[in-house]
Amino acid sequence: MLPARNRMRRSREFDATVKNGMRTAQPDLVVHVRRGDDDEPGPHVGLIVAKSVGSAVDRHRVSRRLRHAVRGMLADLHQHDRVVIRALPSSRQVSSARLEQELRKGLRRAFERAGTDR
């Protein structure tokens, strides 16, 4: 479970990150990263797990696995980072270890492309 202070809740946060952030695609995930300029302590992480991923059970399982994976990476993120993770339909069939690996790779590539340090 992600701590409450690290959860992205407002649709405008999601929208700003997806529209203005750096996007990297992995086989089972799409990662959007934006360095925010607001004063709220963070980092903030949001998940998008659409119905195309599967049934409600499948979507919740993927969400739990992603939250668990990103929880261990919070210390590596800057206080003003905003991250949105979009799960693709194939994410329900892969292992948690692979999801975590793809998430790490996606974050690393997004920060490299944005030219920011973690």
Foldseek 3Di string as FASTA:
>chain_A
DAPPLQEDDDVVLVVCQVVVFFWDDDPFKIKTKDQADDDRWYNHEEEAEDCLLDDPVLSVVLVVLVNVLCNVCRVQDDRRMYMYMYTDNCSSVDDSVVVSVRVVVRVVVRCVVVVHGD
